[in-house]
């Protein structure tokens, strides 16, 4: 069981993702709409995974990933995006993303991304 923090996306998207994650035995420990909420979560010394959607109400996904980098313990980072390409993925990985999920994604892809991003290492 992994602690998950949902950042960005619409309230409906976060609600559906939260239900799906709980169904697969993960704990949704918090959620937020943008950079300000991500900062609050990270200040709490989170151990788990930030699931970051590129659709944010404030800040950018790049700023969220940069904010997470010095956090101790450092959370796993999964970026959800409608954009994809070698340059985009390389930039996300440079900024600390463990993986990028192209929206829309299948449930097995999400579960694999969470395993890869687990702070305890892939299961």
PDB file of N, CA and C in Angstrom:
ATOM      1  N   UNK A   1       0.846  -1.176   0.000  1.00  0.00           N
ATOM      2  CA  UNK A   1       0.000   0.000   0.000  1.00  0.00           C
ATOM      3  C   UNK A   1       0.889   1.236   0.000  1.00  0.00           C
ATOM      4  N   UNK A   2       0.595   2.138  -0.898  1.00  0.00           N
ATOM      5  CA  UNK A   2       1.410   3.335  -1.069  1.00  0.00           C
ATOM      6  C   UNK A   2       0.578   4.578  -0.775  1.00  0.00           C
ATOM      7  N   UNK A   3       1.192   5.582  -0.174  1.00  0.00           N
ATOM      8  CA  UNK A   3       0.534   6.872   0.030  1.00  0.00           C
ATOM      9  C   UNK A   3       0.646   7.674  -1.258  1.00  0.00           C
ATOM     10  N   UNK A   4      -0.494   8.178  -1.737  1.00  0.00           N
ATOM     11  CA  UNK A   4      -0.545   8.926  -2.988  1.00  0.00           C
ATOM     12  C   UNK A   4      -1.095  10.317  -2.705  1.00  0.00           C
ATOM     13  N   UNK A   5      -0.513  11.316  -3.358  1.00  0.00           N
ATOM     14  CA  UNK A   5      -0.973  12.689  -3.284  1.00  0.00           C
ATOM     15  C   UNK A   5      -1.288  13.140  -4.710  1.00  0.00           C
ATOM     16  N   UNK A   6      -2.525  13.559  -4.946  1.00  0.00           N
ATOM     17  CA  UNK A   6      -2.972  13.958  -6.285  1.00  0.00           C
ATOM     18  C   UNK A   6      -2.845  15.467  -6.441  1.00  0.00           C
ATOM     19  N   UNK A   7      -2.130  15.895  -7.462  1.00  0.00           N
ATOM     20  CA  UNK A   7      -1.930  17.322  -7.717  1.00  0.00           C
ATOM     21  C   UNK A   7      -2.398  17.642  -9.131  1.00  0.00           C
ATOM     22  N   UNK A   8      -3.292  18.622  -9.251  1.00  0.00           N
ATOM     23  CA  UNK A   8      -3.754  19.077 -10.555  1.00  0.00           C
ATOM     24  C   UNK A   8      -4.913  18.270 -11.088  1.00  0.00           C
ATOM     25  N   UNK A   9      -5.254  18.551 -12.340  1.00  0.00           N
ATOM     26  CA  UNK A   9      -6.407  17.914 -12.940  1.00  0.00           C
ATOM     27  C   UNK A   9      -7.690  18.555 -12.422  1.00  0.00           C
ATOM     28  N   UNK A  10      -8.805  18.094 -12.913  1.00  0.00           N
ATOM     29  CA  UNK A  10     -10.097  18.627 -12.480  1.00  0.00           C
ATOM     30  C   UNK A  10     -10.533  17.916 -11.202  1.00  0.00           C
ATOM     31  N   UNK A  11     -11.464  18.517 -10.462  1.00  0.00           N
ATOM     32  CA  UNK A  11     -11.972  17.825  -9.273  1.00  0.00           C
ATOM     33  C   UNK A  11     -12.555  16.443  -9.622  1.00  0.00           C
ATOM     34  N   UNK A  12     -13.213  16.355 -10.753  1.00  0.00           N
ATOM     35  CA  UNK A  12     -13.794  15.078 -11.176  1.00  0.00           C
ATOM     36  C   UNK A  12     -12.699  14.050 -11.454  1.00  0.00           C
ATOM     37  N   UNK A  13     -11.632  14.478 -12.104  1.00  0.00           N
ATOM     38  CA  UNK A  13     -10.517  13.585 -12.401  1.00  0.00           C
ATOM     39  C   UNK A  13      -9.888  13.082 -11.112  1.00  0.00           C
ATOM     40  N   UNK A  14      -9.662  13.987 -10.160  1.00  0.00           N
ATOM     41  CA  UNK A  14      -9.079  13.583  -8.876  1.00  0.00           C
ATOM     42  C   UNK A  14     -10.001  12.619  -8.127  1.00  0.00           C
ATOM     43  N   UNK A  15     -11.309  12.856  -8.216  1.00  0.00           N
ATOM     44  CA  UNK A  15     -12.264  11.972  -7.550  1.00  0.00           C
ATOM     45  C   UNK A  15     -12.217  10.559  -8.143  1.00  0.00           C
ATOM     46  N   UNK A  16     -12.210  10.462  -9.470  1.00  0.00           N
ATOM     47  CA  UNK A  16     -12.158   9.161 -10.130  1.00  0.00           C
ATOM     48  C   UNK A  16     -10.820   8.470  -9.853  1.00  0.00           C
ATOM     49  N   UNK A  17      -9.721   9.212  -9.984  1.00  0.00           N
ATOM     50  CA  UNK A  17      -8.411   8.628  -9.700  1.00  0.00           C
ATOM     51  C   UNK A  17      -8.317   8.157  -8.251  1.00  0.00           C
ATOM     52  N   UNK A  18      -8.831   8.956  -7.330  1.00  0.00           N
ATOM     53  CA  UNK A  18      -8.804   8.584  -5.922  1.00  0.00           C
ATOM     54  C   UNK A  18      -9.549   7.279  -5.673  1.00  0.00           C
ATOM     55  N   UNK A  19     -10.742   7.155  -6.249  1.00  0.00           N
ATOM     56  CA  UNK A  19     -11.522   5.921  -6.082  1.00  0.00           C
ATOM     57  C   UNK A  19     -10.786   4.726  -6.681  1.00  0.00           C
ATOM     58  N   UNK A  20     -10.210   4.916  -7.846  1.00  0.00           N
ATOM     59  CA  UNK A  20      -9.465   3.846  -8.514  1.00  0.00           C
ATOM     60  C   UNK A  20      -8.254   3.422  -7.684  1.00  0.00           C
ATOM     61  N   UNK A  21      -7.539   4.392  -7.146  1.00  0.00           N
ATOM     62  CA  UNK A  21      -6.359   4.082  -6.332  1.00  0.00           C
ATOM     63  C   UNK A  21      -6.734   3.339  -5.052  1.00  0.00           C
ATOM     64  N   UNK A  22      -7.814   3.771  -4.409  1.00  0.00           N
ATOM     65  CA  UNK A  22      -8.260   3.073  -3.201  1.00  0.00           C
ATOM     66  C   UNK A  22      -8.693   1.645  -3.527  1.00  0.00           C
ATOM     67  N   UNK A  23      -9.337   1.472  -4.657  1.00  0.00           N
ATOM     68  CA  UNK A  23      -9.756   0.146  -5.102  1.00  0.00           C
ATOM     69  C   UNK A  23      -8.547  -0.783  -5.258  1.00  0.00           C
ATOM     70  N   UNK A  24      -7.397  -0.199  -5.643  1.00  0.00           N
ATOM     71  CA  UNK A  24      -6.165  -0.979  -5.814  1.00  0.00           C
ATOM     72  C   UNK A  24      -5.264  -0.900  -4.579  1.00  0.00           C
ATOM     73  N   UNK A  25      -5.884  -0.620  -3.426  1.00  0.00           N
ATOM     74  CA  UNK A  25      -5.228  -0.688  -2.121  1.00  0.00           C
ATOM     75  C   UNK A  25      -4.135   0.353  -1.896  1.00  0.00           C
ATOM     76  N   UNK A  26      -4.303   1.524  -2.459  1.00  0.00           N
ATOM     77  CA  UNK A  26      -3.412   2.645  -2.166  1.00  0.00           C
ATOM     78  C   UNK A  26      -4.160   3.624  -1.266  1.00  0.00           C
ATOM     79  N   UNK A  27      -3.426   4.426  -0.529  1.00  0.00           N
ATOM     80  CA  UNK A  27      -4.026   5.451   0.327  1.00  0.00           C
ATOM     81  C   UNK A  27      -3.874   6.803  -0.345  1.00  0.00           C
ATOM     82  N   UNK A  28      -4.974   7.483  -0.571  1.00  0.00           N
ATOM     83  CA  UNK A  28      -4.922   8.853  -1.089  1.00  0.00           C
ATOM     84  C   UNK A  28      -4.858   9.748   0.142  1.00  0.00           C
ATOM     85  N   UNK A  29      -3.662  10.288   0.389  1.00  0.00           N
ATOM     86  CA  UNK A  29      -3.403  11.038   1.613  1.00  0.00           C
ATOM     87  C   UNK A  29      -3.674  12.536   1.474  1.00  0.00           C
ATOM     88  N   UNK A  30      -3.780  13.013   0.235  1.00  0.00           N
ATOM     89  CA  UNK A  30      -4.030  14.428   0.040  1.00  0.00           C
ATOM     90  C   UNK A  30      -4.170  14.739  -1.422  1.00  0.00           C
ATOM     91  N   UNK A  31      -4.687  15.914  -1.673  1.00  0.00           N
ATOM     92  CA  UNK A  31      -4.808  16.356  -3.057  1.00  0.00           C
ATOM     93  C   UNK A  31      -4.777  17.869  -3.115  1.00  0.00           C
ATOM     94  N   UNK A  32      -4.494  18.370  -4.289  1.00  0.00           N
ATOM     95  CA  UNK A  32      -4.443  19.801  -4.482  1.00  0.00           C
ATOM     96  C   UNK A  32      -4.610  20.149  -5.940  1.00  0.00           C
ATOM     97  N   UNK A  33      -4.765  21.441  -6.185  1.00  0.00           N
ATOM     98  CA  UNK A  33      -5.051  21.902  -7.540  1.00  0.00           C
ATOM     99  C   UNK A  33      -3.864  22.522  -8.251  1.00  0.00           C
ATOM    100  N   UNK A  34      -2.779  22.780  -7.506  1.00  0.00           N
ATOM    101  CA  UNK A  34      -1.657  23.438  -8.162  1.00  0.00           C
ATOM    102  C   UNK A  34      -0.419  23.511  -7.291  1.00  0.00           C
ATOM    103  N   UNK A  35       0.467  24.428  -7.654  1.00  0.00           N
ATOM    104  CA  UNK A  35       1.763  24.575  -6.995  1.00  0.00           C
ATOM    105  C   UNK A  35       1.627  24.901  -5.514  1.00  0.00           C
ATOM    106  N   UNK A  36       0.730  25.822  -5.182  1.00  0.00           N
ATOM    107  CA  UNK A  36       0.554  26.218  -3.777  1.00  0.00           C
ATOM    108  C   UNK A  36       0.178  25.005  -2.920  1.00  0.00           C
ATOM    109  N   UNK A  37      -0.742  24.187  -3.405  1.00  0.00           N
ATOM    110  CA  UNK A  37      -1.144  22.991  -2.657  1.00  0.00           C
ATOM    111  C   UNK A  37      -0.006  21.969  -2.599  1.00  0.00           C
ATOM    112  N   UNK A  38       0.737  21.833  -3.683  1.00  0.00           N
ATOM    113  CA  UNK A  38       1.869  20.897  -3.698  1.00  0.00           C
ATOM    114  C   UNK A  38       2.912  21.313  -2.658  1.00  0.00           C
ATOM    115  N   UNK A  39       3.174  22.601  -2.548  1.00  0.00           N
ATOM    116  CA  UNK A  39       4.140  23.084  -1.560  1.00  0.00           C
ATOM    117  C   UNK A  39       3.706  22.724  -0.145  1.00  0.00           C
ATOM    118  N   UNK A  40       2.411  22.896   0.156  1.00  0.00           N
ATOM    119  CA  UNK A  40       1.901  22.551   1.488  1.00  0.00           C
ATOM    120  C   UNK A  40       2.094  21.067   1.773  1.00  0.00           C
ATOM    121  N   UNK A  41       1.791  20.243   0.795  1.00  0.00           N
ATOM    122  CA  UNK A  41       1.940  18.795   0.961  1.00  0.00           C
ATOM    123  C   UNK A  41       3.402  18.441   1.192  1.00  0.00           C
ATOM    124  N   UNK A  42       4.290  19.025   0.406  1.00  0.00           N
ATOM    125  CA  UNK A  42       5.717  18.709   0.510  1.00  0.00           C
ATOM    126  C   UNK A  42       6.321  19.202   1.820  1.00  0.00           C
ATOM    127  N   UNK A  43       5.825  20.306   2.345  1.00  0.00           N
ATOM    128  CA  UNK A  43       6.337  20.822   3.617  1.00  0.00           C
ATOM    129  C   UNK A  43       6.038  19.873   4.768  1.00  0.00           C
ATOM    130  N   UNK A  44       5.044  19.019   4.586  1.00  0.00           N
ATOM    131  CA  UNK A  44       4.687  18.066   5.626  1.00  0.00           C
ATOM    132  C   UNK A  44       5.623  16.868   5.699  1.00  0.00           C
ATOM    133  N   UNK A  45       6.664  16.838   4.861  1.00  0.00           N
ATOM    134  CA  UNK A  45       7.609  15.728   4.881  1.00  0.00           C
ATOM    135  C   UNK A  45       7.005  14.436   4.351  1.00  0.00           C
ATOM    136  N   UNK A  46       6.285  14.555   3.271  1.00  0.00           N
ATOM    137  CA  UNK A  46       5.580  13.403   2.717  1.00  0.00           C
ATOM    138  C   UNK A  46       6.484  12.284   2.256  1.00  0.00           C
ATOM    139  N   UNK A  47       6.026  11.091   2.522  1.00  0.00           N
ATOM    140  CA  UNK A  47       6.677   9.903   1.973  1.00  0.00           C
ATOM    141  C   UNK A  47       5.597   9.220   1.154  1.00  0.00           C
ATOM    142  N   UNK A  48       5.840   9.079  -0.091  1.00  0.00           N
ATOM    143  CA  UNK A  48       4.838   8.487  -0.971  1.00  0.00           C
ATOM    144  C   UNK A  48       5.089   8.934  -2.401  1.00  0.00           C
ATOM    145  N   UNK A  49       4.004   9.086  -3.131  1.00  0.00           N
ATOM    146  CA  UNK A  49       4.101   9.443  -4.546  1.00  0.00           C
ATOM    147  C   UNK A  49       3.217  10.644  -4.828  1.00  0.00           C
ATOM    148  N   UNK A  50       3.791  11.624  -5.529  1.00  0.00           N
ATOM    149  CA  UNK A  50       2.995  12.721  -6.062  1.00  0.00           C
ATOM    150  C   UNK A  50       2.582  12.336  -7.473  1.00  0.00           C
ATOM    151  N   UNK A  51       1.284  12.299  -7.711  1.00  0.00           N
ATOM    152  CA  UNK A  51       0.734  12.051  -9.029  1.00  0.00           C
ATOM    153  C   UNK A  51       0.346  13.418  -9.554  1.00  0.00           C
ATOM    154  N   UNK A  52       1.156  13.984 -10.466  1.00  0.00           N
ATOM    155  CA  UNK A  52       1.022  15.375 -10.893  1.00  0.00           C
ATOM    156  C   UNK A  52       0.458  15.442 -12.308  1.00  0.00           C
ATOM    157  N   UNK A  53      -0.689  16.095 -12.449  1.00  0.00           N
ATOM    158  CA  UNK A  53      -1.271  16.332 -13.764  1.00  0.00           C
ATOM    159  C   UNK A  53      -0.718  17.653 -14.289  1.00  0.00           C
ATOM    160  N   UNK A  54      -0.489  17.749 -15.571  1.00  0.00           N
ATOM    161  CA  UNK A  54       0.040  18.996 -16.140  1.00  0.00           C
ATOM    162  C   UNK A  54      -1.004  20.114 -16.117  1.00  0.00           C
ATOM    163  N   UNK A  55      -2.266  19.779 -15.881  1.00  0.00           N
ATOM    164  CA  UNK A  55      -3.357  20.755 -15.815  1.00  0.00           C
ATOM    165  C   UNK A  55      -3.458  21.274 -14.381  1.00  0.00           C
ATOM    166  N   UNK A  56      -2.853  22.441 -14.119  1.00  0.00           N
ATOM    167  CA  UNK A  56      -2.806  23.031 -12.778  1.00  0.00           C
ATOM    168  C   UNK A  56      -3.491  24.389 -12.760  1.00  0.00           C
ATOM    169  N   UNK A  57      -4.057  24.780 -11.614  1.00  0.00           N
ATOM    170  CA  UNK A  57      -4.687  26.103 -11.520  1.00  0.00           C
ATOM    171  C   UNK A  57      -3.674  27.201 -11.221  1.00  0.00           C
ATOM    172  N   UNK A  58      -2.536  26.840 -10.626  1.00  0.00           N
ATOM    173  CA  UNK A  58      -1.480  27.829 -10.408  1.00  0.00           C
ATOM    174  C   UNK A  58      -0.137  27.135 -10.558  1.00  0.00           C
ATOM    175  N   UNK A  59       0.815  27.874 -11.040  1.00  0.00           N
ATOM    176  CA  UNK A  59       2.144  27.306 -11.267  1.00  0.00           C
ATOM    177  C   UNK A  59       2.148  26.378 -12.472  1.00  0.00           C
ATOM    178  N   UNK A  60       3.291  25.719 -12.650  1.00  0.00           N
ATOM    179  CA  UNK A  60       3.451  24.791 -13.772  1.00  0.00           C
ATOM    180  C   UNK A  60       3.907  23.443 -13.234  1.00  0.00           C
ATOM    181  N   UNK A  61       3.772  22.426 -14.053  1.00  0.00           N
ATOM    182  CA  UNK A  61       4.233  21.094 -13.635  1.00  0.00           C
ATOM    183  C   UNK A  61       5.739  21.114 -13.372  1.00  0.00           C
ATOM    184  N   UNK A  62       6.472  21.935 -14.139  1.00  0.00           N
ATOM    185  CA  UNK A  62       7.913  22.032 -13.929  1.00  0.00           C
ATOM    186  C   UNK A  62       8.217  22.561 -12.531  1.00  0.00           C
ATOM    187  N   UNK A  63       7.455  23.573 -12.097  1.00  0.00           N
ATOM    188  CA  UNK A  63       7.672  24.146 -10.766  1.00  0.00           C
ATOM    189  C   UNK A  63       7.347  23.129  -9.668  1.00  0.00           C
ATOM    190  N   UNK A  64       6.303  22.346  -9.874  1.00  0.00           N
ATOM    191  CA  UNK A  64       5.953  21.318  -8.884  1.00  0.00           C
ATOM    192  C   UNK A  64       7.078  20.300  -8.768  1.00  0.00           C
ATOM    193  N   UNK A  65       7.600  19.833  -9.904  1.00  0.00           N
ATOM    194  CA  UNK A  65       8.688  18.854  -9.861  1.00  0.00           C
ATOM    195  C   UNK A  65       9.942  19.445  -9.229  1.00  0.00           C
ATOM    196  N   UNK A  66      10.255  20.700  -9.526  1.00  0.00           N
ATOM    197  CA  UNK A  66      11.423  21.355  -8.915  1.00  0.00           C
ATOM    198  C   UNK A  66      11.235  21.498  -7.406  1.00  0.00           C
ATOM    199  N   UNK A  67      10.018  21.791  -6.985  1.00  0.00           N
ATOM    200  CA  UNK A  67       9.717  21.934  -5.554  1.00  0.00           C
ATOM    201  C   UNK A  67       9.900  20.601  -4.827  1.00  0.00           C
ATOM    202  N   UNK A  68       9.577  19.502  -5.500  1.00  0.00           N
ATOM    203  CA  UNK A  68       9.662  18.176  -4.883  1.00  0.00           C
ATOM    204  C   UNK A  68      11.094  17.671  -4.786  1.00  0.00           C
ATOM    205  N   UNK A  69      11.980  18.162  -5.652  1.00  0.00           N
ATOM    206  CA  UNK A  69      13.338  17.625  -5.713  1.00  0.00           C
ATOM    207  C   UNK A  69      14.095  17.691  -4.391  1.00  0.00           C
ATOM    208  N   UNK A  70      14.106  18.853  -3.697  1.00  0.00           N
ATOM    209  CA  UNK A  70      14.880  18.899  -2.450  1.00  0.00           C
ATOM    210  C   UNK A  70      14.134  18.346  -1.235  1.00  0.00           C
ATOM    211  N   UNK A  71      12.857  17.964  -1.397  1.00  0.00           N
ATOM    212  CA  UNK A  71      12.068  17.464  -0.260  1.00  0.00           C
ATOM    213  C   UNK A  71      12.728  16.224   0.322  1.00  0.00           C
ATOM    214  N   UNK A  72      12.705  16.130   1.621  1.00  0.00           N
ATOM    215  CA  UNK A  72      13.248  14.965   2.310  1.00  0.00           C
ATOM    216  C   UNK A  72      12.194  14.459   3.273  1.00  0.00           C
ATOM    217  N   UNK A  73      11.750  13.231   3.133  1.00  0.00           N
ATOM    218  CA  UNK A  73      12.146  12.309   2.080  1.00  0.00           C
ATOM    219  C   UNK A  73      11.569  12.749   0.741  1.00  0.00           C
ATOM    220  N   UNK A  74      12.285  12.424  -0.326  1.00  0.00           N
ATOM    221  CA  UNK A  74      11.851  12.817  -1.664  1.00  0.00           C
ATOM    222  C   UNK A  74      10.741  11.871  -2.122  1.00  0.00           C
ATOM    223  N   UNK A  75       9.611  12.427  -2.554  1.00  0.00           N
ATOM    224  CA  UNK A  75       8.526  11.564  -3.024  1.00  0.00           C
ATOM    225  C   UNK A  75       8.805  11.012  -4.416  1.00  0.00           C
ATOM    226  N   UNK A  76       8.146   9.923  -4.752  1.00  0.00           N
ATOM    227  CA  UNK A  76       8.151   9.454  -6.126  1.00  0.00           C
ATOM    228  C   UNK A  76       7.309  10.419  -6.943  1.00  0.00           C
ATOM    229  N   UNK A  77       7.609  10.573  -8.213  1.00  0.00           N
ATOM    230  CA  UNK A  77       6.893  11.532  -9.053  1.00  0.00           C
ATOM    231  C   UNK A  77       6.407  10.872 -10.336  1.00  0.00           C
ATOM    232  N   UNK A  78       5.098  10.945 -10.552  1.00  0.00           N
ATOM    233  CA  UNK A  78       4.492  10.469 -11.792  1.00  0.00           C
ATOM    234  C   UNK A  78       3.801  11.669 -12.425  1.00  0.00           C
ATOM    235  N   UNK A  79       4.151  11.975 -13.661  1.00  0.00           N
ATOM    236  CA  UNK A  79       3.570  13.097 -14.378  1.00  0.00           C
ATOM    237  C   UNK A  79       2.526  12.569 -15.361  1.00  0.00           C
ATOM    238  N   UNK A  80       1.313  13.137 -15.303  1.00  0.00           N
ATOM    239  CA  UNK A  80       0.235  12.780 -16.230  1.00  0.00           C
ATOM    240  C   UNK A  80       0.079  13.937 -17.208  1.00  0.00           C
ATOM    241  N   UNK A  81       0.113  13.616 -18.497  1.00  0.00           N
ATOM    242  CA  UNK A  81       0.111  14.677 -19.496  1.00  0.00           C
ATOM    243  C   UNK A  81      -0.570  14.248 -20.789  1.00  0.00           C
ATOM    244  N   UNK A  82      -1.208  15.193 -21.482  1.00  0.00           N
ATOM    245  CA  UNK A  82      -1.708  14.897 -22.822  1.00  0.00           C
ATOM    246  C   UNK A  82      -0.605  15.068 -23.869  1.00  0.00           C
ATOM    247  N   UNK A  83       0.538  15.618 -23.452  1.00  0.00           N
ATOM    248  CA  UNK A  83       1.660  15.869 -24.356  1.00  0.00           C
ATOM    249  C   UNK A  83       2.666  14.743 -24.227  1.00  0.00           C
ATOM    250  N   UNK A  84       3.284  14.408 -25.316  1.00  0.00           N
ATOM    251  CA  UNK A  84       4.307  13.380 -25.229  1.00  0.00           C
ATOM    252  C   UNK A  84       5.301  13.589 -26.350  1.00  0.00           C
ATOM    253  N   UNK A  85       6.448  13.074 -26.157  1.00  0.00           N
ATOM    254  CA  UNK A  85       7.522  13.147 -27.128  1.00  0.00           C
ATOM    255  C   UNK A  85       8.827  12.971 -26.385  1.00  0.00           C
ATOM    256  N   UNK A  86       9.860  12.668 -27.126  1.00  0.00           N
ATOM    257  CA  UNK A  86      11.160  12.396 -26.512  1.00  0.00           C
ATOM    258  C   UNK A  86      11.667  13.601 -25.711  1.00  0.00           C
ATOM    259  N   UNK A  87      11.524  14.803 -26.267  1.00  0.00           N
ATOM    260  CA  UNK A  87      12.013  15.991 -25.562  1.00  0.00           C
ATOM    261  C   UNK A  87      11.219  16.246 -24.287  1.00  0.00           C
ATOM    262  N   UNK A  88       9.888  16.088 -24.372  1.00  0.00           N
ATOM    263  CA  UNK A  88       9.034  16.302 -23.205  1.00  0.00           C
ATOM    264  C   UNK A  88       9.391  15.307 -22.097  1.00  0.00           C
ATOM    265  N   UNK A  89       9.510  14.039 -22.454  1.00  0.00           N
ATOM    266  CA  UNK A  89       9.837  13.017 -21.461  1.00  0.00           C
ATOM    267  C   UNK A  89      11.228  13.248 -20.872  1.00  0.00           C
ATOM    268  N   UNK A  90      12.190  13.625 -21.707  1.00  0.00           N
ATOM    269  CA  UNK A  90      13.541  13.892 -21.212  1.00  0.00           C
ATOM    270  C   UNK A  90      13.536  15.050 -20.213  1.00  0.00           C
ATOM    271  N   UNK A  91      12.773  16.102 -20.517  1.00  0.00           N
ATOM    272  CA  UNK A  91      12.692  17.245 -19.605  1.00  0.00           C
ATOM    273  C   UNK A  91      12.050  16.828 -18.285  1.00  0.00           C
ATOM    274  N   UNK A  92      10.973  16.058 -18.348  1.00  0.00           N
ATOM    275  CA  UNK A  92      10.298  15.600 -17.135  1.00  0.00           C
ATOM    276  C   UNK A  92      11.239  14.746 -16.280  1.00  0.00           C
ATOM    277  N   UNK A  93      11.983  13.876 -16.914  1.00  0.00           N
ATOM    278  CA  UNK A  93      12.911  13.007 -16.171  1.00  0.00           C
ATOM    279  C   UNK A  93      14.062  13.820 -15.573  1.00  0.00           C
ATOM    280  N   UNK A  94      14.552  14.826 -16.316  1.00  0.00           N
ATOM    281  CA  UNK A  94      15.598  15.714 -15.787  1.00  0.00           C
ATOM    282  C   UNK A  94      15.115  16.418 -14.519  1.00  0.00           C
ATOM    283  N   UNK A  95      13.820  16.735 -14.485  1.00  0.00           N
ATOM    284  CA  UNK A  95      13.253  17.434 -13.336  1.00  0.00           C
ATOM    285  C   UNK A  95      12.808  16.479 -12.228  1.00  0.00           C
ATOM    286  N   UNK A  96      13.068  15.183 -12.409  1.00  0.00           N
ATOM    287  CA  UNK A  96      12.829  14.233 -11.336  1.00  0.00           C
ATOM    288  C   UNK A  96      11.656  13.284 -11.494  1.00  0.00           C
ATOM    289  N   UNK A  97      10.905  13.393 -12.593  1.00  0.00           N
ATOM    290  CA  UNK A  97       9.781  12.475 -12.780  1.00  0.00           C
ATOM    291  C   UNK A  97      10.311  11.050 -12.954  1.00  0.00           C
ATOM    292  N   UNK A  98       9.706  10.128 -12.238  1.00  0.00           N
ATOM    293  CA  UNK A  98      10.063   8.722 -12.412  1.00  0.00           C
ATOM    294  C   UNK A  98       9.492   8.188 -13.715  1.00  0.00           C
ATOM    295  N   UNK A  99       8.325   8.701 -14.100  1.00  0.00           N
ATOM    296  CA  UNK A  99       7.740   8.304 -15.378  1.00  0.00           C
ATOM    297  C   UNK A  99       6.671   9.305 -15.800  1.00  0.00           C
ATOM    298  N   UNK A 100       6.306   9.236 -17.067  1.00  0.00           N
ATOM    299  CA  UNK A 100       5.284  10.091 -17.655  1.00  0.00           C
ATOM    300  C   UNK A 100       4.180   9.190 -18.181  1.00  0.00           C
ATOM    301  N   UNK A 101       2.956   9.484 -17.769  1.00  0.00           N
ATOM    302  CA  UNK A 101       1.790   8.757 -18.278  1.00  0.00           C
ATOM    303  C   UNK A 101       1.081   9.630 -19.303  1.00  0.00           C
ATOM    304  N   UNK A 102       0.893   9.100 -20.487  1.00  0.00           N
ATOM    305  CA  UNK A 102       0.186   9.824 -21.534  1.00  0.00           C
ATOM    306  C   UNK A 102      -1.308   9.633 -21.319  1.00  0.00           C
ATOM    307  N   UNK A 103      -2.016  10.734 -21.223  1.00  0.00           N
ATOM    308  CA  UNK A 103      -3.458  10.711 -21.035  1.00  0.00           C
ATOM    309  C   UNK A 103      -4.135  10.520 -22.377  1.00  0.00           C
ATOM    310  N   UNK A 104      -5.131   9.668 -22.532  1.00  0.00           N
ATOM    311  CA  UNK A 104      -5.677   8.761 -21.535  1.00  0.00           C
ATOM    312  C   UNK A 104      -4.794   7.529 -21.387  1.00  0.00           C
ATOM    313  N   UNK A 105      -4.816   6.945 -20.195  1.00  0.00           N
ATOM    314  CA  UNK A 105      -3.988   5.765 -19.937  1.00  0.00           C
ATOM    315  C   UNK A 105      -4.873   4.637 -19.421  1.00  0.00           C
ATOM    316  N   UNK A 106      -4.330   3.454 -19.492  1.00  0.00           N
ATOM    317  CA  UNK A 106      -5.025   2.265 -19.001  1.00  0.00           C
ATOM    318  C   UNK A 106      -4.640   2.030 -17.540  1.00  0.00           C
ATOM    319  N   UNK A 107      -5.490   1.365 -16.812  1.00  0.00           N
ATOM    320  CA  UNK A 107      -5.246   1.086 -15.393  1.00  0.00           C
ATOM    321  C   UNK A 107      -3.924   0.348 -15.183  1.00  0.00           C
ATOM    322  N   UNK A 108      -3.605  -0.682 -15.966  1.00  0.00           N
ATOM    323  CA  UNK A 108      -2.304  -1.355 -15.751  1.00  0.00           C
ATOM    324  C   UNK A 108      -1.108  -0.410 -15.938  1.00  0.00           C
ATOM    325  N   UNK A 109      -1.222   0.556 -16.849  1.00  0.00           N
ATOM    326  CA  UNK A 109      -0.138   1.534 -17.032  1.00  0.00           C
ATOM    327  C   UNK A 109       0.032   2.380 -15.770  1.00  0.00           C
ATOM    328  N   UNK A 110      -1.080   2.781 -15.168  1.00  0.00           N
ATOM    329  CA  UNK A 110      -1.029   3.570 -13.938  1.00  0.00           C
ATOM    330  C   UNK A 110      -0.386   2.765 -12.812  1.00  0.00           C
ATOM    331  N   UNK A 111      -0.790   1.521 -12.658  1.00  0.00           N
ATOM    332  CA  UNK A 111      -0.243   0.684 -11.590  1.00  0.00           C
ATOM    333  C   UNK A 111       1.258   0.447 -11.784  1.00  0.00           C
ATOM    334  N   UNK A 112       1.690   0.259 -13.017  1.00  0.00           N
ATOM    335  CA  UNK A 112       3.115   0.084 -13.303  1.00  0.00           C
ATOM    336  C   UNK A 112       3.887   1.372 -12.995  1.00  0.00           C
ATOM    337  N   UNK A 113       3.317   2.521 -13.326  1.00  0.00           N
ATOM    338  CA  UNK A 113       3.964   3.793 -13.042  1.00  0.00           C
ATOM    339  C   UNK A 113       4.126   3.978 -11.531  1.00  0.00           C
ATOM    340  N   UNK A 114       3.110   3.602 -10.768  1.00  0.00           N
ATOM    341  CA  UNK A 114       3.198   3.722  -9.305  1.00  0.00           C
ATOM    342  C   UNK A 114       4.268   2.796  -8.741  1.00  0.00           C
ATOM    343  N   UNK A 115       4.363   1.591  -9.281  1.00  0.00           N
ATOM    344  CA  UNK A 115       5.427   0.665  -8.827  1.00  0.00           C
ATOM    345  C   UNK A 115       6.808   1.249  -9.135  1.00  0.00           C
ATOM    346  N   UNK A 116       6.961   1.817 -10.328  1.00  0.00           N
ATOM    347  CA  UNK A 116       8.249   2.385 -10.725  1.00  0.00           C
ATOM    348  C   UNK A 116       8.620   3.601  -9.890  1.00  0.00           C
ATOM    349  N   UNK A 117       7.621   4.359  -9.440  1.00  0.00           N
ATOM    350  CA  UNK A 117       7.876   5.601  -8.690  1.00  0.00           C
ATOM    351  C   UNK A 117       7.918   5.400  -7.191  1.00  0.00           C
ATOM    352  N   UNK A 118       7.650   4.206  -6.724  1.00  0.00           N
ATOM    353  CA  UNK A 118       7.592   3.962  -5.283  1.00  0.00           C
ATOM    354  C   UNK A 118       8.911   4.369  -4.615  1.00  0.00           C
ATOM    355  N   UNK A 119       8.834   5.171  -3.538  1.00  0.00           N
ATOM    356  CA  UNK A 119      10.049   5.565  -2.830  1.00  0.00           C
ATOM    357  C   UNK A 119      10.814   4.366  -2.255  1.00  0.00           C
ATOM    358  N   UNK A 120      10.120   3.252  -2.075  1.00  0.00           N
ATOM    359  CA  UNK A 120      10.764   2.043  -1.564  1.00  0.00           C
ATOM    360  C   UNK A 120      11.348   1.193  -2.686  1.00  0.00           C
ATOM    361  N   UNK A 121      11.274   1.705  -3.909  1.00  0.00           N
ATOM    362  CA  UNK A 121      11.763   0.958  -5.061  1.00  0.00           C
ATOM    363  C   UNK A 121      10.649   0.167  -5.695  1.00  0.00           C
ATOM    364  N   UNK A 122      10.817  -0.239  -6.959  1.00  0.00           N
ATOM    365  CA  UNK A 122       9.773  -0.995  -7.630  1.00  0.00           C
ATOM    366  C   UNK A 122       9.474  -2.290  -6.878  1.00  0.00           C
ATOM    367  N   UNK A 123       8.172  -2.572  -6.805  1.00  0.00           N
ATOM    368  CA  UNK A 123       7.734  -3.778  -6.090  1.00  0.00           C
ATOM    369  C   UNK A 123       7.912  -5.004  -6.957  1.00  0.00           C
TER     370      UNK A 123
END
